[in-house]
Amino acid sequence: MTHWKLIKLDFGRNPVHFGDLGIGMEKSGERAYSDTLFSAWVSSYARLFGGEAVEQLFARFPKQAQSSPLEPPFRLGSTFVYYNETYYLPRPIEPPKGYPEDSLAFAKEYKKLTYLPLKIWQRWYQGEGFTDADREELELKVKQPKTFGKLEEAKTFDYSKTFQSQRVPKVSLDRTTRASNFYHVGFVQFQPEAGLYFLIHFPEADSSLEDELKAALDFLGDEGIGGEKSSGAGRFTATWHDLDEVWKSVVNFKQFNFHGLISLLWEHPFASEYLQGASYALQERGGWIVSPVSGQQARRQTVQMFTEGSVFPQPISGMLANVTPGNFKAHPIYRSGISLSLPIYLAS
């Protein structure tokens, strides 16, 4: 029997720094992608339980595309923002049922809604769809900042209010010349009652694995996730929750005809038939790795992954990507392209 958990990460007053390819140190994203979360979590798992234990865990994940893929022991979603009991999800690339073709009057405001509160996401992609009232409210939003309607009531326009971005000045010293270098680092700080959450799916209940993952996540929370951990960034407290009735209805939705990604996805070779009827975006994933065993640092190989919000007619399992640098000999380095998606209904 499948088993779902919702996990909240409460950062308190600790800032976070989530870098990405091409944005530099001066900027930070507000959330961590599924491959970043997976790598940080497994690294903590290795430090707690040892190299042999993590090798045994990796052996349970698919590392090649198969017609009957090995079911991984768990699937992770990317982290997304929550505020109190409002959970934001990525808006699928395809518009919801009922979205009008003549949307030029409010298309710009609609495109700003990269993340939707769960209540609106469910109504648009599993329920009645986009309504005339939604259209009227978005048209009003074009003219004035404050609207009055179901979108405003559900905090659809409040995503950017849940966190603040800031730049902090830093100074580094050259170890040889002692010359100073002045630069800025971008951080994000969440508002009180806000933080990040993610979904984890187990193909069947496994209390032993779940206990190990809880211990490793607590360990990661003490160390921090993301960059600038030496400055105290990224530290969090994790709490595990059973799905409430709303979330249960979302993950168990039966009248679907598509699947919307809430994680990154990578598979090689990627079957061309998967793209028939799909709508998707790609993102290059790269960066640096630090071995939890040897402490060695190296720039990992880059891969292109399908992003959250991509839509496919069928579920695609995904697999681990071996991104071990050519000069890195300590152990293999993997990035997770294991997918997690939610069922949705789109008008044909």
C-alpha atoms as a PDB file:
ATOM      1  CA  MET A   1       0.000   0.000   0.000  1.00  0.00           C
ATOM      2  CA  THR A   2       1.431   3.368  -1.026  1.00  0.00           C
ATOM      3  CA  HIS A   3       2.426   5.738   1.723  1.00  0.00           C
ATOM      4  CA  TRP A   4       2.644   9.549   1.559  1.00  0.00           C
ATOM      5  CA  LYS A   5       4.068  12.088   3.991  1.00  0.00           C
ATOM      6  CA  LEU A   6       4.208  15.880   3.943  1.00  0.00           C
ATOM      7  CA  ILE A   7       7.369  17.267   5.532  1.00  0.00           C
ATOM      8  CA  LYS A   8       7.702  20.862   6.682  1.00  0.00           C
ATOM      9  CA  LEU A   9      11.056  22.603   7.032  1.00  0.00           C
ATOM     10  CA  ASP A  10      10.907  25.463   9.532  1.00  0.00           C
ATOM     11  CA  PHE A  11      13.933  27.755   9.155  1.00  0.00           C
ATOM     12  CA  GLY A  12      12.936  30.105  11.969  1.00  0.00           C
ATOM     13  CA  ARG A  13      15.002  33.268  11.566  1.00  0.00           C
ATOM     14  CA  ASN A  14      17.796  31.439   9.714  1.00  0.00           C
ATOM     15  CA  PRO A  15      18.348  32.703   6.161  1.00  0.00           C
ATOM     16  CA  VAL A  16      18.835  30.351   3.207  1.00  0.00           C
ATOM     17  CA  HIS A  17      21.037  30.528   0.130  1.00  0.00           C
ATOM     18  CA  PHE A  18      19.979  28.374  -2.807  1.00  0.00           C
ATOM     19  CA  GLY A  19      22.241  29.066  -5.754  1.00  0.00           C
ATOM     20  CA  ASP A  20      21.752  27.995  -9.340  1.00  0.00           C
ATOM     21  CA  LEU A  21      23.750  27.880 -12.549  1.00  0.00           C
ATOM     22  CA  GLY A  22      24.300  31.343 -13.955  1.00  0.00           C
ATOM     23  CA  ILE A  23      22.829  33.483 -11.151  1.00  0.00           C
ATOM     24  CA  GLY A  24      26.038  34.051  -9.162  1.00  0.00           C
ATOM     25  CA  MET A  25      26.459  34.507  -5.431  1.00  0.00           C
ATOM     26  CA  GLU A  26      24.523  37.769  -5.301  1.00  0.00           C
ATOM     27  CA  LYS A  27      21.166  36.068  -5.816  1.00  0.00           C
ATOM     28  CA  SER A  28      19.398  33.212  -4.096  1.00  0.00           C
ATOM     29  CA  GLY A  29      16.327  31.202  -4.940  1.00  0.00           C
ATOM     30  CA  GLU A  30      13.710  30.713  -2.243  1.00  0.00           C
ATOM     31  CA  ARG A  31      13.513  26.919  -2.498  1.00  0.00           C
ATOM     32  CA  ALA A  32      15.518  23.760  -3.194  1.00  0.00           C
ATOM     33  CA  TYR A  33      14.902  21.510  -6.184  1.00  0.00           C
ATOM     34  CA  SER A  34      14.318  17.788  -5.684  1.00  0.00           C
ATOM     35  CA  ASP A  35      17.830  16.847  -6.854  1.00  0.00           C
ATOM     36  CA  THR A  36      19.402  19.272  -4.370  1.00  0.00           C
ATOM     37  CA  LEU A  37      17.236  17.954  -1.530  1.00  0.00           C
ATOM     38  CA  PHE A  38      17.996  14.338  -2.465  1.00  0.00           C
ATOM     39  CA  SER A  39      21.771  14.901  -2.628  1.00  0.00           C
ATOM     40  CA  ALA A  40      21.931  16.793   0.664  1.00  0.00           C
ATOM     41  CA  TRP A  41      19.725  14.229   2.397  1.00  0.00           C
ATOM     42  CA  VAL A  42      21.673  11.211   1.103  1.00  0.00           C
ATOM     43  CA  SER A  43      24.955  12.901   2.041  1.00  0.00           C
ATOM     44  CA  SER A  44      23.685  13.211   5.620  1.00  0.00           C
ATOM     45  CA  TYR A  45      22.480   9.611   5.451  1.00  0.00           C
ATOM     46  CA  ALA A  46      25.983   8.495   4.441  1.00  0.00           C
ATOM     47  CA  ARG A  47      27.602  10.403   7.296  1.00  0.00           C
ATOM     48  CA  LEU A  48      25.206   8.869   9.815  1.00  0.00           C
ATOM     49  CA  PHE A  49      25.072   5.276   8.609  1.00  0.00           C
ATOM     50  CA  GLY A  50      28.295   4.859   6.587  1.00  0.00           C
ATOM     51  CA  GLY A  51      29.311   4.212   3.017  1.00  0.00           C
ATOM     52  CA  GLU A  52      28.053   0.643   2.857  1.00  0.00           C
ATOM     53  CA  ALA A  53      24.561   1.650   3.972  1.00  0.00           C
ATOM     54  CA  VAL A  54      24.288   4.378   1.341  1.00  0.00           C
ATOM     55  CA  GLU A  55      25.540   2.000  -1.370  1.00  0.00           C
ATOM     56  CA  GLN A  56      22.776  -0.413  -0.400  1.00  0.00           C
ATOM     57  CA  LEU A  57      20.263   2.441  -0.580  1.00  0.00           C
ATOM     58  CA  PHE A  58      21.507   3.543  -4.023  1.00  0.00           C
ATOM     59  CA  ALA A  59      21.220  -0.059  -5.257  1.00  0.00           C
ATOM     60  CA  ARG A  60      17.447   0.193  -4.799  1.00  0.00           C
ATOM     61  CA  PHE A  61      17.144   3.121  -7.248  1.00  0.00           C
ATOM     62  CA  PRO A  62      16.920   2.723 -11.035  1.00  0.00           C
ATOM     63  CA  LYS A  63      20.038   3.876 -12.889  1.00  0.00           C
ATOM     64  CA  GLN A  64      18.920   2.936 -16.382  1.00  0.00           C
ATOM     65  CA  ALA A  65      15.715   3.311 -18.355  1.00  0.00           C
ATOM     66  CA  GLN A  66      13.724   0.085 -18.498  1.00  0.00           C
ATOM     67  CA  SER A  67      10.343  -0.957 -19.836  1.00  0.00           C
ATOM     68  CA  SER A  68       9.502  -2.184 -16.320  1.00  0.00           C
ATOM     69  CA  PRO A  69      11.571   0.190 -14.198  1.00  0.00           C
ATOM     70  CA  LEU A  70      12.724  -0.692 -10.726  1.00  0.00           C
ATOM     71  CA  GLU A  71      10.437   1.064  -8.264  1.00  0.00           C
ATOM     72  CA  PRO A  72      12.596   3.286  -6.043  1.00  0.00           C
ATOM     73  CA  PRO A  73      12.229   3.029  -2.254  1.00  0.00           C
ATOM     74  CA  PHE A  74      10.877   6.583  -2.186  1.00  0.00           C
ATOM     75  CA  ARG A  75      10.153   9.553  -4.451  1.00  0.00           C
ATOM     76  CA  LEU A  76      10.786  13.147  -3.445  1.00  0.00           C
ATOM     77  CA  GLY A  77       9.059  16.274  -4.602  1.00  0.00           C
ATOM     78  CA  SER A  78      10.910  19.554  -4.790  1.00  0.00           C
ATOM     79  CA  THR A  79      10.493  21.937  -1.880  1.00  0.00           C
ATOM     80  CA  PHE A  80       7.816  24.604  -2.151  1.00  0.00           C
ATOM     81  CA  VAL A  81       6.716  27.474   0.049  1.00  0.00           C
ATOM     82  CA  TYR A  82       4.042  27.177   2.706  1.00  0.00           C
ATOM     83  CA  TYR A  83       2.522  29.917   4.834  1.00  0.00           C
ATOM     84  CA  ASN A  84       0.516  28.703   7.820  1.00  0.00           C
ATOM     85  CA  GLU A  85      -1.813  26.136   6.189  1.00  0.00           C
ATOM     86  CA  THR A  86      -1.486  27.522   2.667  1.00  0.00           C
ATOM     87  CA  TYR A  87       0.667  25.281   0.471  1.00  0.00           C
ATOM     88  CA  TYR A  88       1.894  26.539  -2.885  1.00  0.00           C
ATOM     89  CA  LEU A  89       2.327  24.202  -5.864  1.00  0.00           C
ATOM     90  CA  PRO A  90       3.895  24.902  -9.273  1.00  0.00           C
ATOM     91  CA  ARG A  91       1.334  25.875 -11.891  1.00  0.00           C
ATOM     92  CA  PRO A  92       1.353  23.321 -14.728  1.00  0.00           C
ATOM     93  CA  ILE A  93       2.595  24.682 -18.047  1.00  0.00           C
ATOM     94  CA  GLU A  94      -0.747  23.920 -19.718  1.00  0.00           C
ATOM     95  CA  PRO A  95      -3.632  26.241 -18.772  1.00  0.00           C
ATOM     96  CA  PRO A  96      -6.551  24.786 -16.808  1.00  0.00           C
ATOM     97  CA  LYS A  97      -9.856  23.637 -18.215  1.00  0.00           C
ATOM     98  CA  GLY A  98     -12.000  26.638 -19.096  1.00  0.00           C
ATOM     99  CA  TYR A  99      -9.100  29.049 -19.615  1.00  0.00           C
ATOM    100  CA  PRO A 100     -10.256  31.413 -22.387  1.00  0.00           C
ATOM    101  CA  GLU A 101      -8.414  31.776 -25.672  1.00  0.00           C
ATOM    102  CA  ASP A 102      -8.973  35.545 -25.666  1.00  0.00           C
ATOM    103  CA  SER A 103      -6.978  36.089 -22.481  1.00  0.00           C
ATOM    104  CA  LEU A 104      -4.857  39.038 -23.598  1.00  0.00           C
ATOM    105  CA  ALA A 105      -6.568  41.367 -21.125  1.00  0.00           C
ATOM    106  CA  PHE A 106      -5.131  39.460 -18.164  1.00  0.00           C
ATOM    107  CA  ALA A 107      -2.534  37.035 -19.629  1.00  0.00           C
ATOM    108  CA  LYS A 108       0.345  38.956 -18.042  1.00  0.00           C
ATOM    109  CA  GLU A 109      -1.190  38.640 -14.568  1.00  0.00           C
ATOM    110  CA  TYR A 110      -1.917  34.948 -15.144  1.00  0.00           C
ATOM    111  CA  LYS A 111       1.689  34.260 -16.159  1.00  0.00           C
ATOM    112  CA  LYS A 112       2.897  35.831 -12.918  1.00  0.00           C
ATOM    113  CA  LEU A 113       1.158  33.001 -11.038  1.00  0.00           C
ATOM    114  CA  THR A 114       4.087  30.592 -11.192  1.00  0.00           C
ATOM    115  CA  TYR A 115       2.902  29.017  -7.933  1.00  0.00           C
ATOM    116  CA  LEU A 116      -0.704  28.465  -6.911  1.00  0.00           C
ATOM    117  CA  PRO A 117      -2.162  27.841  -3.458  1.00  0.00           C
ATOM    118  CA  LEU A 118      -3.334  24.244  -3.141  1.00  0.00           C
ATOM    119  CA  LYS A 119      -7.013  25.280  -3.025  1.00  0.00           C
ATOM    120  CA  ILE A 120      -6.794  27.039  -6.403  1.00  0.00           C
ATOM    121  CA  TRP A 121      -4.441  24.448  -7.923  1.00  0.00           C
ATOM    122  CA  GLN A 122      -6.937  21.699  -7.060  1.00  0.00           C
ATOM    123  CA  ARG A 123      -9.936  23.618  -8.411  1.00  0.00           C
ATOM    124  CA  TRP A 124      -8.207  24.539 -11.661  1.00  0.00           C
ATOM    125  CA  TYR A 125      -6.561  21.178 -12.397  1.00  0.00           C
ATOM    126  CA  GLN A 126      -8.779  18.630 -10.652  1.00  0.00           C
ATOM    127  CA  GLY A 127     -12.086  20.424 -10.288  1.00  0.00           C
ATOM    128  CA  GLU A 128     -14.347  22.826 -12.155  1.00  0.00           C
ATOM    129  CA  GLY A 129     -11.428  24.626 -13.766  1.00  0.00           C
ATOM    130  CA  PHE A 130     -11.006  28.300 -14.617  1.00  0.00           C
ATOM    131  CA  THR A 131     -14.221  30.295 -14.096  1.00  0.00           C
ATOM    132  CA  ASP A 132     -15.679  33.575 -15.302  1.00  0.00           C
ATOM    133  CA  ALA A 133     -15.173  34.894 -11.768  1.00  0.00           C
ATOM    134  CA  ASP A 134     -11.443  34.082 -12.036  1.00  0.00           C
ATOM    135  CA  ARG A 135     -11.296  36.002 -15.293  1.00  0.00           C
ATOM    136  CA  GLU A 136     -13.018  39.024 -13.802  1.00  0.00           C
ATOM    137  CA  GLU A 137     -10.698  39.018 -10.796  1.00  0.00           C
ATOM    138  CA  LEU A 138      -7.561  38.786 -12.948  1.00  0.00           C
ATOM    139  CA  GLU A 139      -8.832  41.603 -15.159  1.00  0.00           C
ATOM    140  CA  LEU A 140      -9.372  43.686 -12.018  1.00  0.00           C
ATOM    141  CA  LYS A 141      -5.849  42.796 -10.860  1.00  0.00           C
ATOM    142  CA  VAL A 142      -4.476  44.449 -14.001  1.00  0.00           C
ATOM    143  CA  LYS A 143      -6.029  47.733 -12.921  1.00  0.00           C
ATOM    144  CA  GLN A 144      -5.461  47.711  -9.152  1.00  0.00           C
ATOM    145  CA  PRO A 145      -3.219  45.835  -6.672  1.00  0.00           C
ATOM    146  CA  LYS A 146      -6.035  44.711  -4.361  1.00  0.00           C
ATOM    147  CA  THR A 147      -8.791  42.436  -5.638  1.00  0.00           C
ATOM    148  CA  PHE A 148     -11.882  40.961  -4.022  1.00  0.00           C
ATOM    149  CA  GLY A 149     -12.655  37.366  -4.883  1.00  0.00           C
ATOM    150  CA  LYS A 150     -11.798  33.723  -4.433  1.00  0.00           C
ATOM    151  CA  LEU A 151      -8.265  34.122  -5.787  1.00  0.00           C
ATOM    152  CA  GLU A 152      -7.448  36.880  -3.321  1.00  0.00           C
ATOM    153  CA  GLU A 153      -9.124  34.979  -0.492  1.00  0.00           C
ATOM    154  CA  ALA A 154      -6.964  31.915  -1.194  1.00  0.00           C
ATOM    155  CA  LYS A 155      -3.764  34.060  -1.106  1.00  0.00           C
ATOM    156  CA  THR A 156      -3.099  33.440  -4.795  1.00  0.00           C
ATOM    157  CA  PHE A 157      -1.240  36.740  -5.138  1.00  0.00           C
ATOM    158  CA  ASP A 158       0.678  36.515  -1.837  1.00  0.00           C
ATOM    159  CA  TYR A 159       3.494  34.133  -2.785  1.00  0.00           C
ATOM    160  CA  SER A 160       6.203  36.810  -2.902  1.00  0.00           C
ATOM    161  CA  LYS A 161       5.087  38.154   0.497  1.00  0.00           C
ATOM    162  CA  THR A 162       6.110  34.944   2.301  1.00  0.00           C
ATOM    163  CA  PHE A 163       9.842  35.698   2.156  1.00  0.00           C
ATOM    164  CA  GLN A 164      12.310  38.548   1.775  1.00  0.00           C
ATOM    165  CA  SER A 165      15.472  38.652  -0.309  1.00  0.00           C
ATOM    166  CA  GLN A 166      18.552  40.477   0.880  1.00  0.00           C
ATOM    167  CA  ARG A 167      22.195  40.936  -0.052  1.00  0.00           C
ATOM    168  CA  VAL A 168      24.855  40.677   2.633  1.00  0.00           C
ATOM    169  CA  PRO A 169      28.351  42.142   2.133  1.00  0.00           C
ATOM    170  CA  LYS A 170      31.250  39.699   2.549  1.00  0.00           C
ATOM    171  CA  VAL A 171      35.043  39.957   2.500  1.00  0.00           C
ATOM    172  CA  SER A 172      37.397  37.130   1.550  1.00  0.00           C
ATOM    173  CA  LEU A 173      41.175  37.076   2.051  1.00  0.00           C
ATOM    174  CA  ASP A 174      43.631  35.497  -0.352  1.00  0.00           C
ATOM    175  CA  ARG A 175      45.545  32.826   1.564  1.00  0.00           C
ATOM    176  CA  THR A 176      48.853  33.738  -0.073  1.00  0.00           C
ATOM    177  CA  THR A 177      48.809  37.503  -0.575  1.00  0.00           C
ATOM    178  CA  ARG A 178      46.253  38.349   2.148  1.00  0.00           C
ATOM    179  CA  ALA A 179      44.614  40.663  -0.392  1.00  0.00           C
ATOM    180  CA  SER A 180      40.940  41.324   0.354  1.00  0.00           C
ATOM    181  CA  ASN A 181      38.053  40.785  -2.014  1.00  0.00           C
ATOM    182  CA  PHE A 182      34.703  42.475  -1.365  1.00  0.00           C
ATOM    183  CA  TYR A 183      31.507  40.824  -2.637  1.00  0.00           C
ATOM    184  CA  HIS A 184      27.823  40.295  -1.831  1.00  0.00           C
ATOM    185  CA  VAL A 185      25.891  37.108  -1.113  1.00  0.00           C
ATOM    186  CA  GLY A 186      22.155  36.797  -1.640  1.00  0.00           C
ATOM    187  CA  PHE A 187      19.984  35.294   1.093  1.00  0.00           C
ATOM    188  CA  VAL A 188      16.286  34.617   1.538  1.00  0.00           C
ATOM    189  CA  GLN A 189      14.559  34.848   4.900  1.00  0.00           C
ATOM    190  CA  PHE A 190      11.065  33.472   5.414  1.00  0.00           C
ATOM    191  CA  GLN A 191       8.348  35.351   7.198  1.00  0.00           C
ATOM    192  CA  PRO A 192       7.106  33.991  10.547  1.00  0.00           C
ATOM    193  CA  GLU A 193       4.808  30.988   9.950  1.00  0.00           C
ATOM    194  CA  ALA A 194       6.361  30.437   6.500  1.00  0.00           C
ATOM    195  CA  GLY A 195       8.932  27.930   5.310  1.00  0.00           C
ATOM    196  CA  LEU A 196       9.372  25.093   2.850  1.00  0.00           C
ATOM    197  CA  TYR A 197       7.592  21.770   2.523  1.00  0.00           C
ATOM    198  CA  PHE A 198       7.822  18.747   0.254  1.00  0.00           C
ATOM    199  CA  LEU A 199       5.986  15.509  -0.389  1.00  0.00           C
ATOM    200  CA  ILE A 200       7.594  12.090  -0.140  1.00  0.00           C
ATOM    201  CA  HIS A 201       6.002   8.947  -1.543  1.00  0.00           C
ATOM    202  CA  PHE A 202       6.872   5.404  -0.482  1.00  0.00           C
ATOM    203  CA  PRO A 203       5.601   2.563  -2.709  1.00  0.00           C
ATOM    204  CA  GLU A 204       4.854   0.722   0.519  1.00  0.00           C
ATOM    205  CA  ALA A 205       5.182   1.541   4.206  1.00  0.00           C
ATOM    206  CA  ASP A 206       8.734   0.938   5.451  1.00  0.00           C
ATOM    207  CA  SER A 207       9.075   2.053   9.069  1.00  0.00           C
ATOM    208  CA  SER A 208      12.788   1.130   9.248  1.00  0.00           C
ATOM    209  CA  LEU A 209      13.712   3.227   6.201  1.00  0.00           C
ATOM    210  CA  GLU A 210      11.456   6.052   7.356  1.00  0.00           C
ATOM    211  CA  ASP A 211      13.166   6.160  10.767  1.00  0.00           C
ATOM    212  CA  GLU A 212      16.593   6.277   9.088  1.00  0.00           C
ATOM    213  CA  LEU A 213      15.482   9.067   6.771  1.00  0.00           C
ATOM    214  CA  LYS A 214      14.059  11.035   9.707  1.00  0.00           C
ATOM    215  CA  ALA A 215      17.391  10.769  11.550  1.00  0.00           C
ATOM    216  CA  ALA A 216      19.324  11.839   8.446  1.00  0.00           C
ATOM    217  CA  LEU A 217      16.959  14.788   7.837  1.00  0.00           C
ATOM    218  CA  ASP A 218      17.347  15.954  11.445  1.00  0.00           C
ATOM    219  CA  PHE A 219      21.115  15.730  10.976  1.00  0.00           C
ATOM    220  CA  LEU A 220      20.834  17.774   7.774  1.00  0.00           C
ATOM    221  CA  GLY A 221      18.690  20.340   9.591  1.00  0.00           C
ATOM    222  CA  ASP A 222      21.416  20.834  12.195  1.00  0.00           C
ATOM    223  CA  GLU A 223      24.010  21.395   9.461  1.00  0.00           C
ATOM    224  CA  GLY A 224      21.852  23.314   7.021  1.00  0.00           C
ATOM    225  CA  ILE A 225      20.866  22.918   3.391  1.00  0.00           C
ATOM    226  CA  GLY A 226      22.100  25.059   0.512  1.00  0.00           C
ATOM    227  CA  GLY A 227      25.081  27.369   0.488  1.00  0.00           C
ATOM    228  CA  GLU A 228      26.763  29.558   3.097  1.00  0.00           C
ATOM    229  CA  LYS A 229      26.214  27.009   5.877  1.00  0.00           C
ATOM    230  CA  SER A 230      29.337  28.299   7.664  1.00  0.00           C
ATOM    231  CA  SER A 231      27.365  31.521   8.168  1.00  0.00           C
ATOM    232  CA  GLY A 232      24.488  29.620   9.772  1.00  0.00           C
ATOM    233  CA  ALA A 233      22.321  29.610   6.651  1.00  0.00           C
ATOM    234  CA  GLY A 234      19.939  26.801   5.790  1.00  0.00           C
ATOM    235  CA  ARG A 235      19.383  25.340   9.268  1.00  0.00           C
ATOM    236  CA  PHE A 236      15.889  24.022   9.854  1.00  0.00           C
ATOM    237  CA  THR A 237      13.643  21.863  12.003  1.00  0.00           C
ATOM    238  CA  ALA A 238      11.737  19.154  10.118  1.00  0.00           C
ATOM    239  CA  THR A 239       8.286  17.865  11.072  1.00  0.00           C
ATOM    240  CA  TRP A 240       6.573  14.913   9.394  1.00  0.00           C
ATOM    241  CA  HIS A 241       2.822  14.978   8.774  1.00  0.00           C
ATOM    242  CA  ASP A 242       0.204  12.571   7.468  1.00  0.00           C
ATOM    243  CA  LEU A 243      -1.777  13.953   4.554  1.00  0.00           C
ATOM    244  CA  ASP A 244      -5.004  15.697   5.508  1.00  0.00           C
ATOM    245  CA  GLU A 245      -8.210  15.042   3.602  1.00  0.00           C
ATOM    246  CA  VAL A 246      -7.529  17.737   1.005  1.00  0.00           C
ATOM    247  CA  TRP A 247      -4.080  16.391   0.186  1.00  0.00           C
ATOM    248  CA  LYS A 248      -5.422  12.826   0.109  1.00  0.00           C
ATOM    249  CA  SER A 249      -8.021  13.853  -2.469  1.00  0.00           C
ATOM    250  CA  VAL A 250      -5.267  15.526  -4.539  1.00  0.00           C
ATOM    251  CA  VAL A 251      -2.880  12.554  -4.665  1.00  0.00           C
ATOM    252  CA  ASN A 252      -5.733  10.043  -5.131  1.00  0.00           C
ATOM    253  CA  PHE A 253      -7.573  11.978  -7.870  1.00  0.00           C
ATOM    254  CA  LYS A 254      -8.970   9.428 -10.348  1.00  0.00           C
ATOM    255  CA  GLN A 255     -10.439  11.442 -13.251  1.00  0.00           C
ATOM    256  CA  PHE A 256      -7.045  12.427 -14.648  1.00  0.00           C
ATOM    257  CA  ASN A 257      -5.667  12.400 -18.173  1.00  0.00           C
ATOM    258  CA  PHE A 258      -2.240  13.982 -17.531  1.00  0.00           C
ATOM    259  CA  HIS A 259       0.451  14.087 -14.875  1.00  0.00           C
ATOM    260  CA  GLY A 260       2.030  17.332 -13.623  1.00  0.00           C
ATOM    261  CA  LEU A 261       5.577  17.156 -12.282  1.00  0.00           C
ATOM    262  CA  ILE A 262       6.295  18.424  -8.775  1.00  0.00           C
ATOM    263  CA  SER A 263       9.937  17.323  -9.000  1.00  0.00           C
ATOM    264  CA  LEU A 264      12.704  17.368 -11.570  1.00  0.00           C
ATOM    265  CA  LEU A 265      12.815  14.463 -14.035  1.00  0.00           C
ATOM    266  CA  TRP A 266      15.735  12.850 -15.869  1.00  0.00           C
ATOM    267  CA  GLU A 267      15.870   9.664 -17.843  1.00  0.00           C
ATOM    268  CA  HIS A 268      18.383   8.451 -20.436  1.00  0.00           C
ATOM    269  CA  PRO A 269      17.721   7.424 -23.081  1.00  0.00           C
ATOM    270  CA  PHE A 270      14.459   9.362 -23.043  1.00  0.00           C
ATOM    271  CA  ALA A 271      11.767   7.676 -25.129  1.00  0.00           C
ATOM    272  CA  SER A 272      10.494  10.041 -27.838  1.00  0.00           C
ATOM    273  CA  GLU A 273       6.910   8.813 -27.393  1.00  0.00           C
ATOM    274  CA  TYR A 274       6.891  10.414 -23.932  1.00  0.00           C
ATOM    275  CA  LEU A 275       6.901  13.822 -25.621  1.00  0.00           C
ATOM    276  CA  GLN A 276       3.765  13.234 -27.689  1.00  0.00           C
ATOM    277  CA  GLY A 277       1.132  15.501 -26.172  1.00  0.00           C
ATOM    278  CA  ALA A 278       3.542  16.720 -23.479  1.00  0.00           C
ATOM    279  CA  SER A 279       4.250  20.325 -22.477  1.00  0.00           C
ATOM    280  CA  TYR A 280       7.545  20.837 -20.730  1.00  0.00           C
ATOM    281  CA  ALA A 281      10.491  23.035 -19.843  1.00  0.00           C
ATOM    282  CA  LEU A 282      14.126  22.010 -19.371  1.00  0.00           C
ATOM    283  CA  GLN A 283      16.725  23.261 -16.941  1.00  0.00           C
ATOM    284  CA  GLU A 284      20.453  22.646 -16.800  1.00  0.00           C
ATOM    285  CA  ARG A 285      21.553  21.237 -13.453  1.00  0.00           C
ATOM    286  CA  GLY A 286      25.150  21.426 -12.312  1.00  0.00           C
ATOM    287  CA  GLY A 287      27.278  22.912  -9.542  1.00  0.00           C
ATOM    288  CA  TRP A 288      29.786  21.661  -7.012  1.00  0.00           C
ATOM    289  CA  ILE A 289      29.876  18.523  -4.887  1.00  0.00           C
ATOM    290  CA  VAL A 290      31.642  17.798  -1.610  1.00  0.00           C
ATOM    291  CA  SER A 291      32.259  14.153  -0.734  1.00  0.00           C
ATOM    292  CA  PRO A 292      30.934  13.281   2.759  1.00  0.00           C
ATOM    293  CA  VAL A 293      33.623  10.588   2.903  1.00  0.00           C
ATOM    294  CA  SER A 294      36.815  12.249   1.616  1.00  0.00           C
ATOM    295  CA  GLY A 295      35.874  15.937   1.820  1.00  0.00           C
ATOM    296  CA  GLN A 296      37.036  16.350  -1.798  1.00  0.00           C
ATOM    297  CA  GLN A 297      35.343  19.101  -3.817  1.00  0.00           C
ATOM    298  CA  ALA A 298      34.728  19.009  -7.558  1.00  0.00           C
ATOM    299  CA  ARG A 299      32.385  20.473 -10.178  1.00  0.00           C
ATOM    300  CA  ARG A 300      29.928  17.791 -11.182  1.00  0.00           C
ATOM    301  CA  GLN A 301      28.849  17.074 -14.732  1.00  0.00           C
ATOM    302  CA  THR A 302      25.801  18.999 -15.931  1.00  0.00           C
ATOM    303  CA  VAL A 303      22.561  17.389 -17.097  1.00  0.00           C
ATOM    304  CA  GLN A 304      19.329  18.730 -18.579  1.00  0.00           C
ATOM    305  CA  MET A 305      16.248  17.891 -16.523  1.00  0.00           C
ATOM    306  CA  PHE A 306      12.529  18.436 -17.036  1.00  0.00           C
ATOM    307  CA  THR A 307      11.271  21.009 -14.551  1.00  0.00           C
ATOM    308  CA  GLU A 308       8.346  21.104 -12.164  1.00  0.00           C
ATOM    309  CA  GLY A 309       5.125  22.056 -13.906  1.00  0.00           C
ATOM    310  CA  SER A 310       5.966  19.978 -16.978  1.00  0.00           C
ATOM    311  CA  VAL A 311       2.989  17.927 -18.126  1.00  0.00           C
ATOM    312  CA  PHE A 312       3.050  14.396 -19.572  1.00  0.00           C
ATOM    313  CA  PRO A 313       0.206  12.092 -20.673  1.00  0.00           C
ATOM    314  CA  GLN A 314       1.717   9.206 -18.704  1.00  0.00           C
ATOM    315  CA  PRO A 315       3.791   8.921 -15.522  1.00  0.00           C
ATOM    316  CA  ILE A 316       7.536   8.657 -16.163  1.00  0.00           C
ATOM    317  CA  SER A 317       9.634   7.001 -13.486  1.00  0.00           C
ATOM    318  CA  GLY A 318      12.918   8.829 -13.984  1.00  0.00           C
ATOM    319  CA  MET A 319      16.285   7.599 -12.766  1.00  0.00           C
ATOM    320  CA  LEU A 320      19.499   8.613 -11.041  1.00  0.00           C
ATOM    321  CA  ALA A 321      22.013  10.484 -13.200  1.00  0.00           C
ATOM    322  CA  ASN A 322      25.686   9.651 -12.730  1.00  0.00           C
ATOM    323  CA  VAL A 323      27.355  13.073 -12.711  1.00  0.00           C
ATOM    324  CA  THR A 324      30.733  11.979 -11.336  1.00  0.00           C
ATOM    325  CA  PRO A 325      33.514  14.321 -12.551  1.00  0.00           C
ATOM    326  CA  GLY A 326      36.249  12.643 -14.562  1.00  0.00           C
ATOM    327  CA  ASN A 327      38.920  13.416 -11.975  1.00  0.00           C
ATOM    328  CA  PHE A 328      36.816  12.351  -8.975  1.00  0.00           C
ATOM    329  CA  LYS A 329      37.729   8.826  -7.831  1.00  0.00           C
ATOM    330  CA  ALA A 330      36.371   8.603  -4.266  1.00  0.00           C
ATOM    331  CA  HIS A 331      32.921   7.230  -5.200  1.00  0.00           C
ATOM    332  CA  PRO A 332      30.138   7.741  -7.775  1.00  0.00           C
ATOM    333  CA  ILE A 333      28.132  10.968  -7.591  1.00  0.00           C
ATOM    334  CA  TYR A 334      24.442  10.812  -8.464  1.00  0.00           C
ATOM    335  CA  ARG A 335      21.759  13.437  -9.012  1.00  0.00           C
ATOM    336  CA  SER A 336      18.159  12.405  -8.645  1.00  0.00           C
ATOM    337  CA  GLY A 337      15.979  12.500 -11.727  1.00  0.00           C
ATOM    338  CA  ILE A 338      13.449  10.252  -9.970  1.00  0.00           C
ATOM    339  CA  SER A 339      10.113  11.882 -10.650  1.00  0.00           C
ATOM    340  CA  LEU A 340       7.116  12.675  -8.508  1.00  0.00           C
ATOM    341  CA  SER A 341       3.943  13.897 -10.185  1.00  0.00           C
ATOM    342  CA  LEU A 342       0.321  14.636  -9.370  1.00  0.00           C
ATOM    343  CA  PRO A 343      -2.672  13.578 -11.466  1.00  0.00           C
ATOM    344  CA  ILE A 344      -4.434  16.411 -13.291  1.00  0.00           C
ATOM    345  CA  TYR A 345      -7.229  16.851 -15.816  1.00  0.00           C
ATOM    346  CA  LEU A 346      -6.721  19.015 -18.904  1.00  0.00           C
ATOM    347  CA  ALA A 347      -9.311  19.754 -21.553  1.00  0.00           C
ATOM    348  CA  SER A 348      -8.430  17.963 -24.796  1.00  0.00           C
END
